[in-house]
Amino acid sequence: MSDTTSGPSDAMGLQFSIYPLRQDDIDAPIRAAISAAAEEGANVRVGRLSSFASGDGDSLFRALRAAFAAAAAHGPVVMIATLTSGTPSEEIVAEIQAAL
């Protein structure tokens, strides 16, 4: 368990959540944000509470901007985002979870 990165040193991770405010349809802005992030080249995985993406810094920042703009096009939203560098690989995460 010594290697904690998923690849080159420029590999980053992004976690984002969209919270539509005062909207009747909360599904549309969330789906729009996820699609927009993916269209910017980010490898997006949808979780139960947040969406996750990995890639280089430029693509993740483009994805973040596109996701927010797409969600905001539907009305008022709050976006919470976390960026990481040196993101652990799927294998490392699986090892940690197996040890619990």
PDB file of N, CA and C in Angstrom:
ATOM      1  N   MET A   1       0.814  -1.188   0.000  1.00  0.00           N
ATOM      2  CA  MET A   1       0.000   0.000   0.000  1.00  0.00           C
ATOM      3  C   MET A   1       0.860   1.255   0.000  1.00  0.00           C
ATOM      4  N   SER A   2       1.998   1.227  -0.681  1.00  0.00           N
ATOM      5  CA  SER A   2       2.857   2.396  -0.662  1.00  0.00           C
ATOM      6  C   SER A   2       2.522   3.398  -1.744  1.00  0.00           C
ATOM      7  N   ASP A   3       1.964   2.977  -2.886  1.00  0.00           N
ATOM      8  CA  ASP A   3       1.625   3.896  -3.964  1.00  0.00           C
ATOM      9  C   ASP A   3       0.230   4.447  -3.727  1.00  0.00           C
ATOM     10  N   THR A   4       0.130   5.773  -3.543  1.00  0.00           N
ATOM     11  CA  THR A   4      -1.174   6.367  -3.244  1.00  0.00           C
ATOM     12  C   THR A   4      -1.711   7.193  -4.389  1.00  0.00           C
ATOM     13  N   THR A   5      -1.063   7.197  -5.525  1.00  0.00           N
ATOM     14  CA  THR A   5      -1.549   7.996  -6.630  1.00  0.00           C
ATOM     15  C   THR A   5      -2.155   7.118  -7.710  1.00  0.00           C
ATOM     16  N   SER A   6      -2.983   7.732  -8.526  1.00  0.00           N
ATOM     17  CA  SER A   6      -3.638   6.984  -9.591  1.00  0.00           C
ATOM     18  C   SER A   6      -2.882   7.083 -10.899  1.00  0.00           C
ATOM     19  N   GLY A   7      -1.802   7.804 -10.932  1.00  0.00           N
ATOM     20  CA  GLY A   7      -1.077   7.971 -12.176  1.00  0.00           C
ATOM     21  C   GLY A   7      -0.070   9.078 -12.045  1.00  0.00           C
ATOM     22  N   PRO A   8       0.126   9.848 -13.110  1.00  0.00           N
ATOM     23  CA  PRO A   8       1.109  10.910 -13.075  1.00  0.00           C
ATOM     24  C   PRO A   8       0.778  11.960 -12.026  1.00  0.00           C
ATOM     25  N   SER A   9       1.774  12.775 -11.692  1.00  0.00           N
ATOM     26  CA  SER A   9       1.603  13.750 -10.628  1.00  0.00           C
ATOM     27  C   SER A   9       0.554  14.804 -10.952  1.00  0.00           C
ATOM     28  N   ASP A  10       0.190  14.959 -12.232  1.00  0.00           N
ATOM     29  CA  ASP A  10      -0.833  15.948 -12.568  1.00  0.00           C
ATOM     30  C   ASP A  10      -2.250  15.377 -12.461  1.00  0.00           C
ATOM     31  N   ALA A  11      -2.391  14.107 -12.057  1.00  0.00           N
ATOM     32  CA  ALA A  11      -3.712  13.498 -11.894  1.00  0.00           C
ATOM     33  C   ALA A  11      -4.413  14.136 -10.699  1.00  0.00           C
ATOM     34  N   MET A  12      -5.667  14.480 -10.916  1.00  0.00           N
ATOM     35  CA  MET A  12      -6.457  15.120  -9.865  1.00  0.00           C
ATOM     36  C   MET A  12      -7.812  14.440  -9.759  1.00  0.00           C
ATOM     37  N   GLY A  13      -8.497  14.742  -8.681  1.00  0.00           N
ATOM     38  CA  GLY A  13      -9.848  14.253  -8.480  1.00  0.00           C
ATOM     39  C   GLY A  13     -10.775  15.410  -8.171  1.00  0.00           C
ATOM     40  N   LEU A  14     -12.031  15.252  -8.526  1.00  0.00           N
ATOM     41  CA  LEU A  14     -13.058  16.255  -8.285  1.00  0.00           C
ATOM     42  C   LEU A  14     -14.291  15.549  -7.756  1.00  0.00           C
ATOM     43  N   GLN A  15     -14.857  16.091  -6.695  1.00  0.00           N
ATOM     44  CA  GLN A  15     -16.145  15.631  -6.185  1.00  0.00           C
ATOM     45  C   GLN A  15     -17.054  16.848  -6.191  1.00  0.00           C
ATOM     46  N   PHE A  16     -18.247  16.715  -6.774  1.00  0.00           N
ATOM     47  CA  PHE A  16     -19.162  17.850  -6.748  1.00  0.00           C
ATOM     48  C   PHE A  16     -20.588  17.394  -6.497  1.00  0.00           C
ATOM     49  N   SER A  17     -21.320  18.280  -5.844  1.00  0.00           N
ATOM     50  CA  SER A  17     -22.738  18.062  -5.563  1.00  0.00           C
ATOM     51  C   SER A  17     -23.495  19.304  -5.990  1.00  0.00           C
ATOM     52  N   ILE A  18     -24.660  19.106  -6.572  1.00  0.00           N
ATOM     53  CA  ILE A  18     -25.522  20.198  -7.028  1.00  0.00           C
ATOM     54  C   ILE A  18     -26.789  20.186  -6.176  1.00  0.00           C
ATOM     55  N   TYR A  19     -27.155  21.359  -5.661  1.00  0.00           N
ATOM     56  CA  TYR A  19     -28.362  21.505  -4.862  1.00  0.00           C
ATOM     57  C   TYR A  19     -29.251  22.579  -5.488  1.00  0.00           C
ATOM     58  N   PRO A  20     -30.249  22.176  -6.275  1.00  0.00           N
ATOM     59  CA  PRO A  20     -31.167  23.153  -6.868  1.00  0.00           C
ATOM     60  C   PRO A  20     -31.990  23.836  -5.766  1.00  0.00           C
ATOM     61  N   LEU A  21     -32.173  25.129  -5.911  1.00  0.00           N
ATOM     62  CA  LEU A  21     -32.930  25.908  -4.931  1.00  0.00           C
ATOM     63  C   LEU A  21     -34.261  26.356  -5.520  1.00  0.00           C
ATOM     64  N   ARG A  22     -35.329  26.148  -4.773  1.00  0.00           N
ATOM     65  CA  ARG A  22     -36.659  26.620  -5.167  1.00  0.00           C
ATOM     66  C   ARG A  22     -37.033  26.214  -6.595  1.00  0.00           C
ATOM     67  N   GLN A  23     -36.732  24.978  -6.963  1.00  0.00           N
ATOM     68  CA  GLN A  23     -37.071  24.478  -8.298  1.00  0.00           C
ATOM     69  C   GLN A  23     -38.001  23.272  -8.162  1.00  0.00           C
ATOM     70  N   ASP A  24     -38.999  23.235  -9.027  1.00  0.00           N
ATOM     71  CA  ASP A  24     -39.921  22.099  -9.021  1.00  0.00           C
ATOM     72  C   ASP A  24     -39.248  20.825  -9.509  1.00  0.00           C
ATOM     73  N   ASP A  25     -38.372  20.950 -10.507  1.00  0.00           N
ATOM     74  CA  ASP A  25     -37.677  19.791 -11.085  1.00  0.00           C
ATOM     75  C   ASP A  25     -36.216  19.854 -10.646  1.00  0.00           C
ATOM     76  N   ILE A  26     -35.850  19.046  -9.669  1.00  0.00           N
ATOM     77  CA  ILE A  26     -34.458  19.071  -9.213  1.00  0.00           C
ATOM     78  C   ILE A  26     -33.578  18.098  -9.997  1.00  0.00           C
ATOM     79  N   ASP A  27     -34.197  17.186 -10.719  1.00  0.00           N
ATOM     80  CA  ASP A  27     -33.451  16.193 -11.486  1.00  0.00           C
ATOM     81  C   ASP A  27     -32.734  16.809 -12.691  1.00  0.00           C
ATOM     82  N   ALA A  28     -33.407  17.698 -13.404  1.00  0.00           N
ATOM     83  CA  ALA A  28     -32.856  18.268 -14.640  1.00  0.00           C
ATOM     84  C   ALA A  28     -31.540  19.017 -14.425  1.00  0.00           C
ATOM     85  N   PRO A  29     -31.425  19.906 -13.428  1.00  0.00           N
ATOM     86  CA  PRO A  29     -30.148  20.599 -13.254  1.00  0.00           C
ATOM     87  C   PRO A  29     -29.009  19.664 -12.838  1.00  0.00           C
ATOM     88  N   ILE A  30     -29.330  18.651 -12.078  1.00  0.00           N
ATOM     89  CA  ILE A  30     -28.293  17.693 -11.661  1.00  0.00           C
ATOM     90  C   ILE A  30     -27.807  16.895 -12.864  1.00  0.00           C
ATOM     91  N   ARG A  31     -28.734  16.393 -13.662  1.00  0.00           N
ATOM     92  CA  ARG A  31     -28.352  15.653 -14.868  1.00  0.00           C
ATOM     93  C   ARG A  31     -27.576  16.540 -15.845  1.00  0.00           C
ATOM     94  N   ALA A  32     -27.993  17.791 -15.972  1.00  0.00           N
ATOM     95  CA  ALA A  32     -27.302  18.721 -16.870  1.00  0.00           C
ATOM     96  C   ALA A  32     -25.862  18.947 -16.408  1.00  0.00           C
ATOM     97  N   ALA A  33     -25.664  19.083 -15.116  1.00  0.00           N
ATOM     98  CA  ALA A  33     -24.316  19.294 -14.580  1.00  0.00           C
ATOM     99  C   ALA A  33     -23.423  18.091 -14.852  1.00  0.00           C
ATOM    100  N   ILE A  34     -23.931  16.909 -14.635  1.00  0.00           N
ATOM    101  CA  ILE A  34     -23.158  15.682 -14.855  1.00  0.00           C
ATOM    102  C   ILE A  34     -22.791  15.549 -16.332  1.00  0.00           C
ATOM    103  N   SER A  35     -23.760  15.775 -17.212  1.00  0.00           N
ATOM    104  CA  SER A  35     -23.500  15.680 -18.647  1.00  0.00           C
ATOM    105  C   SER A  35     -22.474  16.717 -19.098  1.00  0.00           C
ATOM    106  N   ALA A  36     -22.602  17.932 -18.603  1.00  0.00           N
ATOM    107  CA  ALA A  36     -21.680  18.997 -18.999  1.00  0.00           C
ATOM    108  C   ALA A  36     -20.256  18.691 -18.551  1.00  0.00           C
ATOM    109  N   ALA A  37     -20.106  18.147 -17.350  1.00  0.00           N
ATOM    110  CA  ALA A  37     -18.771  17.783 -16.856  1.00  0.00           C
ATOM    111  C   ALA A  37     -18.160  16.699 -17.739  1.00  0.00           C
ATOM    112  N   ALA A  38     -18.953  15.718 -18.102  1.00  0.00           N
ATOM    113  CA  ALA A  38     -18.462  14.630 -18.955  1.00  0.00           C
ATOM    114  C   ALA A  38     -18.094  15.139 -20.343  1.00  0.00           C
ATOM    115  N   GLU A  39     -18.856  16.078 -20.860  1.00  0.00           N
ATOM    116  CA  GLU A  39     -18.578  16.632 -22.187  1.00  0.00           C
ATOM    117  C   GLU A  39     -17.252  17.394 -22.228  1.00  0.00           C
ATOM    118  N   GLU A  40     -16.777  17.831 -21.077  1.00  0.00           N
ATOM    119  CA  GLU A  40     -15.490  18.536 -21.004  1.00  0.00           C
ATOM    120  C   GLU A  40     -14.316  17.573 -20.879  1.00  0.00           C
ATOM    121  N   GLY A  41     -14.578  16.284 -20.965  1.00  0.00           N
ATOM    122  CA  GLY A  41     -13.502  15.302 -20.957  1.00  0.00           C
ATOM    123  C   GLY A  41     -13.195  14.690 -19.606  1.00  0.00           C
ATOM    124  N   ALA A  42     -13.953  15.049 -18.590  1.00  0.00           N
ATOM    125  CA  ALA A  42     -13.729  14.454 -17.275  1.00  0.00           C
ATOM    126  C   ALA A  42     -14.358  13.062 -17.232  1.00  0.00           C
ATOM    127  N   ASN A  43     -13.696  12.144 -16.565  1.00  0.00           N
ATOM    128  CA  ASN A  43     -14.216  10.795 -16.363  1.00  0.00           C
ATOM    129  C   ASN A  43     -15.145  10.856 -15.153  1.00  0.00           C
ATOM    130  N   VAL A  44     -16.460  10.975 -15.386  1.00  0.00           N
ATOM    131  CA  VAL A  44     -17.430  11.221 -14.319  1.00  0.00           C
ATOM    132  C   VAL A  44     -18.089   9.926 -13.871  1.00  0.00           C
ATOM    133  N   ARG A  45     -18.143   9.732 -12.556  1.00  0.00           N
ATOM    134  CA  ARG A  45     -18.883   8.623 -11.946  1.00  0.00           C
ATOM    135  C   ARG A  45     -19.916   9.226 -11.005  1.00  0.00           C
ATOM    136  N   VAL A  46     -21.134   8.769 -11.092  1.00  0.00           N
ATOM    137  CA  VAL A  46     -22.207   9.288 -10.260  1.00  0.00           C
ATOM    138  C   VAL A  46     -22.322   8.448  -8.999  1.00  0.00           C
ATOM    139  N   GLY A  47     -22.322   9.123  -7.862  1.00  0.00           N
ATOM    140  CA  GLY A  47     -22.518   8.465  -6.574  1.00  0.00           C
ATOM    141  C   GLY A  47     -23.904   8.794  -6.039  1.00  0.00           C
ATOM    142  N   ARG A  48     -24.193   8.321  -4.860  1.00  0.00           N
ATOM    143  CA  ARG A  48     -25.512   8.562  -4.267  1.00  0.00           C
ATOM    144  C   ARG A  48     -25.715  10.014  -3.850  1.00  0.00           C
ATOM    145  N   LEU A  49     -24.652  10.670  -3.388  1.00  0.00           N
ATOM    146  CA  LEU A  49     -24.764  12.045  -2.915  1.00  0.00           C
ATOM    147  C   LEU A  49     -23.941  13.038  -3.713  1.00  0.00           C
ATOM    148  N   SER A  50     -22.933  12.553  -4.424  1.00  0.00           N
ATOM    149  CA  SER A  50     -22.032  13.416  -5.179  1.00  0.00           C
ATOM    150  C   SER A  50     -21.630  12.721  -6.467  1.00  0.00           C
ATOM    151  N   SER A  51     -21.083  13.505  -7.363  1.00  0.00           N
ATOM    152  CA  SER A  51     -20.475  12.956  -8.569  1.00  0.00           C
ATOM    153  C   SER A  51     -18.974  13.104  -8.431  1.00  0.00           C
ATOM    154  N   PHE A  52     -18.240  12.178  -9.008  1.00  0.00           N
ATOM    155  CA  PHE A  52     -16.789  12.144  -8.899  1.00  0.00           C
ATOM    156  C   PHE A  52     -16.196  12.151 -10.299  1.00  0.00           C
ATOM    157  N   ALA A  53     -15.071  12.831 -10.453  1.00  0.00           N
ATOM    158  CA  ALA A  53     -14.397  12.870 -11.741  1.00  0.00           C
ATOM    159  C   ALA A  53     -12.895  12.826 -11.502  1.00  0.00           C
ATOM    160  N   SER A  54     -12.184  12.320 -12.481  1.00  0.00           N
ATOM    161  CA  SER A  54     -10.726  12.312 -12.404  1.00  0.00           C
ATOM    162  C   SER A  54     -10.173  12.786 -13.728  1.00  0.00           C
ATOM    163  N   GLY A  55      -8.956  13.271 -13.692  1.00  0.00           N
ATOM    164  CA  GLY A  55      -8.309  13.751 -14.898  1.00  0.00           C
ATOM    165  C   GLY A  55      -7.214  14.737 -14.557  1.00  0.00           C
ATOM    166  N   ASP A  56      -6.766  15.471 -15.561  1.00  0.00           N
ATOM    167  CA  ASP A  56      -5.746  16.489 -15.311  1.00  0.00           C
ATOM    168  C   ASP A  56      -6.448  17.773 -14.848  1.00  0.00           C
ATOM    169  N   GLY A  57      -5.670  18.664 -14.286  1.00  0.00           N
ATOM    170  CA  GLY A  57      -6.226  19.885 -13.717  1.00  0.00           C
ATOM    171  C   GLY A  57      -7.033  20.711 -14.691  1.00  0.00           C
ATOM    172  N   ASP A  58      -6.528  20.894 -15.905  1.00  0.00           N
ATOM    173  CA  ASP A  58      -7.240  21.703 -16.888  1.00  0.00           C
ATOM    174  C   ASP A  58      -8.619  21.131 -17.198  1.00  0.00           C
ATOM    175  N   SER A  59      -8.693  19.822 -17.430  1.00  0.00           N
ATOM    176  CA  SER A  59      -9.993  19.224 -17.775  1.00  0.00           C
ATOM    177  C   SER A  59     -10.957  19.276 -16.593  1.00  0.00           C
ATOM    178  N   LEU A  60     -10.446  19.113 -15.372  1.00  0.00           N
ATOM    179  CA  LEU A  60     -11.341  19.151 -14.210  1.00  0.00           C
ATOM    180  C   LEU A  60     -11.874  20.546 -13.945  1.00  0.00           C
ATOM    181  N   PHE A  61     -11.040  21.566 -14.118  1.00  0.00           N
ATOM    182  CA  PHE A  61     -11.540  22.924 -13.923  1.00  0.00           C
ATOM    183  C   PHE A  61     -12.532  23.314 -15.017  1.00  0.00           C
ATOM    184  N   ARG A  62     -12.303  22.858 -16.245  1.00  0.00           N
ATOM    185  CA  ARG A  62     -13.288  23.077 -17.310  1.00  0.00           C
ATOM    186  C   ARG A  62     -14.591  22.352 -16.977  1.00  0.00           C
ATOM    187  N   ALA A  63     -14.473  21.125 -16.485  1.00  0.00           N
ATOM    188  CA  ALA A  63     -15.653  20.339 -16.127  1.00  0.00           C
ATOM    189  C   ALA A  63     -16.430  21.004 -14.994  1.00  0.00           C
ATOM    190  N   LEU A  64     -15.726  21.521 -14.013  1.00  0.00           N
ATOM    191  CA  LEU A  64     -16.365  22.187 -12.879  1.00  0.00           C
ATOM    192  C   LEU A  64     -17.137  23.415 -13.339  1.00  0.00           C
ATOM    193  N   ARG A  65     -16.504  24.232 -14.170  1.00  0.00           N
ATOM    194  CA  ARG A  65     -17.155  25.445 -14.690  1.00  0.00           C
ATOM    195  C   ARG A  65     -18.378  25.066 -15.541  1.00  0.00           C
ATOM    196  N   ALA A  66     -18.234  24.080 -16.410  1.00  0.00           N
ATOM    197  CA  ALA A  66     -19.333  23.664 -17.285  1.00  0.00           C
ATOM    198  C   ALA A  66     -20.487  23.077 -16.475  1.00  0.00           C
ATOM    199  N   ALA A  67     -20.178  22.284 -15.451  1.00  0.00           N
ATOM    200  CA  ALA A  67     -21.222  21.676 -14.615  1.00  0.00           C
ATOM    201  C   ALA A  67     -22.035  22.745 -13.908  1.00  0.00           C
ATOM    202  N   PHE A  68     -21.347  23.748 -13.347  1.00  0.00           N
ATOM    203  CA  PHE A  68     -22.067  24.805 -12.650  1.00  0.00           C
ATOM    204  C   PHE A  68     -22.933  25.608 -13.611  1.00  0.00           C
ATOM    205  N   ALA A  69     -22.376  25.969 -14.755  1.00  0.00           N
ATOM    206  CA  ALA A  69     -23.137  26.753 -15.740  1.00  0.00           C
ATOM    207  C   ALA A  69     -24.368  25.985 -16.220  1.00  0.00           C
ATOM    208  N   ALA A  70     -24.211  24.690 -16.463  1.00  0.00           N
ATOM    209  CA  ALA A  70     -25.338  23.874 -16.943  1.00  0.00           C
ATOM    210  C   ALA A  70     -26.431  23.776 -15.884  1.00  0.00           C
ATOM    211  N   ALA A  71     -26.041  23.581 -14.637  1.00  0.00           N
ATOM    212  CA  ALA A  71     -27.037  23.496 -13.561  1.00  0.00           C
ATOM    213  C   ALA A  71     -27.713  24.846 -13.348  1.00  0.00           C
ATOM    214  N   ALA A  72     -26.930  25.928 -13.356  1.00  0.00           N
ATOM    215  CA  ALA A  72     -27.471  27.269 -13.122  1.00  0.00           C
ATOM    216  C   ALA A  72     -28.396  27.730 -14.235  1.00  0.00           C
ATOM    217  N   ALA A  73     -28.263  27.145 -15.414  1.00  0.00           N
ATOM    218  CA  ALA A  73     -29.157  27.486 -16.526  1.00  0.00           C
ATOM    219  C   ALA A  73     -30.599  27.087 -16.228  1.00  0.00           C
ATOM    220  N   HIS A  74     -30.788  26.198 -15.256  1.00  0.00           N
ATOM    221  CA  HIS A  74     -32.128  25.739 -14.875  1.00  0.00           C
ATOM    222  C   HIS A  74     -32.731  26.573 -13.757  1.00  0.00           C
ATOM    223  N   GLY A  75     -31.932  27.413 -13.123  1.00  0.00           N
ATOM    224  CA  GLY A  75     -32.408  28.222 -12.008  1.00  0.00           C
ATOM    225  C   GLY A  75     -31.358  28.282 -10.912  1.00  0.00           C
ATOM    226  N   PRO A  76     -31.720  28.831  -9.767  1.00  0.00           N
ATOM    227  CA  PRO A  76     -30.759  28.975  -8.670  1.00  0.00           C
ATOM    228  C   PRO A  76     -30.256  27.616  -8.166  1.00  0.00           C
ATOM    229  N   VAL A  77     -28.948  27.521  -7.973  1.00  0.00           N
ATOM    230  CA  VAL A  77     -28.338  26.291  -7.463  1.00  0.00           C
ATOM    231  C   VAL A  77     -27.186  26.624  -6.531  1.00  0.00           C
ATOM    232  N   VAL A  78     -26.872  25.666  -5.696  1.00  0.00           N
ATOM    233  CA  VAL A  78     -25.646  25.687  -4.904  1.00  0.00           C
ATOM    234  C   VAL A  78     -24.817  24.509  -5.388  1.00  0.00           C
ATOM    235  N   MET A  79     -23.536  24.738  -5.584  1.00  0.00           N
ATOM    236  CA  MET A  79     -22.624  23.656  -5.944  1.00  0.00           C
ATOM    237  C   MET A  79     -21.543  23.588  -4.874  1.00  0.00           C
ATOM    238  N   ILE A  80     -21.313  22.396  -4.376  1.00  0.00           N
ATOM    239  CA  ILE A  80     -20.226  22.140  -3.438  1.00  0.00           C
ATOM    240  C   ILE A  80     -19.209  21.298  -4.191  1.00  0.00           C
ATOM    241  N   ALA A  81     -17.936  21.707  -4.155  1.00  0.00           N
ATOM    242  CA  ALA A  81     -16.900  20.976  -4.884  1.00  0.00           C
ATOM    243  C   ALA A  81     -15.663  20.807  -4.027  1.00  0.00           C
ATOM    244  N   THR A  82     -15.018  19.662  -4.198  1.00  0.00           N
ATOM    245  CA  THR A  82     -13.749  19.363  -3.548  1.00  0.00           C
ATOM    246  C   THR A  82     -12.786  18.884  -4.613  1.00  0.00           C
ATOM    247  N   LEU A  83     -11.589  19.462  -4.633  1.00  0.00           N
ATOM    248  CA  LEU A  83     -10.548  19.066  -5.572  1.00  0.00           C
ATOM    249  C   LEU A  83      -9.409  18.411  -4.803  1.00  0.00           C
ATOM    250  N   THR A  84      -8.812  17.387  -5.403  1.00  0.00           N
ATOM    251  CA  THR A  84      -7.690  16.705  -4.765  1.00  0.00           C
ATOM    252  C   THR A  84      -6.560  16.517  -5.771  1.00  0.00           C
ATOM    253  N   SER A  85      -5.369  16.419  -5.235  1.00  0.00           N
ATOM    254  CA  SER A  85      -4.224  16.012  -6.046  1.00  0.00           C
ATOM    255  C   SER A  85      -3.700  14.713  -5.453  1.00  0.00           C
ATOM    256  N   GLY A  86      -3.024  13.914  -6.254  1.00  0.00           N
ATOM    257  CA  GLY A  86      -2.523  12.640  -5.752  1.00  0.00           C
ATOM    258  C   GLY A  86      -3.635  11.725  -5.301  1.00  0.00           C
ATOM    259  N   THR A  87      -4.693  11.653  -6.090  1.00  0.00           N
ATOM    260  CA  THR A  87      -5.864  10.854  -5.747  1.00  0.00           C
ATOM    261  C   THR A  87      -5.508   9.373  -5.652  1.00  0.00           C
ATOM    262  N   PRO A  88      -5.929   8.677  -4.585  1.00  0.00           N
ATOM    263  CA  PRO A  88      -5.648   7.241  -4.475  1.00  0.00           C
ATOM    264  C   PRO A  88      -6.297   6.455  -5.609  1.00  0.00           C
ATOM    265  N   SER A  89      -5.624   5.404  -6.061  1.00  0.00           N
ATOM    266  CA  SER A  89      -6.163   4.553  -7.116  1.00  0.00           C
ATOM    267  C   SER A  89      -7.331   3.722  -6.587  1.00  0.00           C
ATOM    268  N   GLU A  90      -8.099   3.162  -7.505  1.00  0.00           N
ATOM    269  CA  GLU A  90      -9.210   2.284  -7.122  1.00  0.00           C
ATOM    270  C   GLU A  90      -8.702   1.080  -6.325  1.00  0.00           C
ATOM    271  N   GLU A  91      -7.519   0.586  -6.673  1.00  0.00           N
ATOM    272  CA  GLU A  91      -6.945  -0.564  -5.972  1.00  0.00           C
ATOM    273  C   GLU A  91      -6.632  -0.221  -4.514  1.00  0.00           C
ATOM    274  N   ILE A  92      -6.071   0.962  -4.293  1.00  0.00           N
ATOM    275  CA  ILE A  92      -5.750   1.398  -2.923  1.00  0.00           C
ATOM    276  C   ILE A  92      -7.034   1.545  -2.108  1.00  0.00           C
ATOM    277  N   VAL A  93      -8.040   2.152  -2.688  1.00  0.00           N
ATOM    278  CA  VAL A  93      -9.318   2.324  -1.993  1.00  0.00           C
ATOM    279  C   VAL A  93      -9.914   0.947  -1.662  1.00  0.00           C
ATOM    280  N   ALA A  94      -9.869   0.018  -2.593  1.00  0.00           N
ATOM    281  CA  ALA A  94     -10.390  -1.327  -2.360  1.00  0.00           C
ATOM    282  C   ALA A  94      -9.631  -2.022  -1.229  1.00  0.00           C
ATOM    283  N   GLU A  95      -8.311  -1.863  -1.186  1.00  0.00           N
ATOM    284  CA  GLU A  95      -7.516  -2.443  -0.107  1.00  0.00           C
ATOM    285  C   GLU A  95      -7.927  -1.883   1.251  1.00  0.00           C
ATOM    286  N   ILE A  96      -8.117  -0.585   1.324  1.00  0.00           N
ATOM    287  CA  ILE A  96      -8.506   0.050   2.579  1.00  0.00           C
ATOM    288  C   ILE A  96      -9.880  -0.432   3.018  1.00  0.00           C
ATOM    289  N   GLN A  97     -10.825  -0.490   2.068  1.00  0.00           N
ATOM    290  CA  GLN A  97     -12.177  -0.942   2.409  1.00  0.00           C
ATOM    291  C   GLN A  97     -12.190  -2.397   2.839  1.00  0.00           C
ATOM    292  N   ALA A  98     -11.373  -3.207   2.205  1.00  0.00           N
ATOM    293  CA  ALA A  98     -11.308  -4.637   2.573  1.00  0.00           C
ATOM    294  C   ALA A  98     -10.740  -4.825   3.973  1.00  0.00           C
ATOM    295  N   ALA A  99      -9.870  -3.922   4.386  1.00  0.00           N
ATOM    296  CA  ALA A  99      -9.248  -4.035   5.693  1.00  0.00           C
ATOM    297  C   ALA A  99     -10.177  -3.609   6.831  1.00  0.00           C
ATOM    298  N   LEU A 100     -11.287  -2.952   6.502  1.00  0.00           N
ATOM    299  CA  LEU A 100     -12.202  -2.471   7.548  1.00  0.00           C
ATOM    300  C   LEU A 100     -13.080  -3.550   8.089  1.00  0.00           C
TER     301      LEU A 100
END
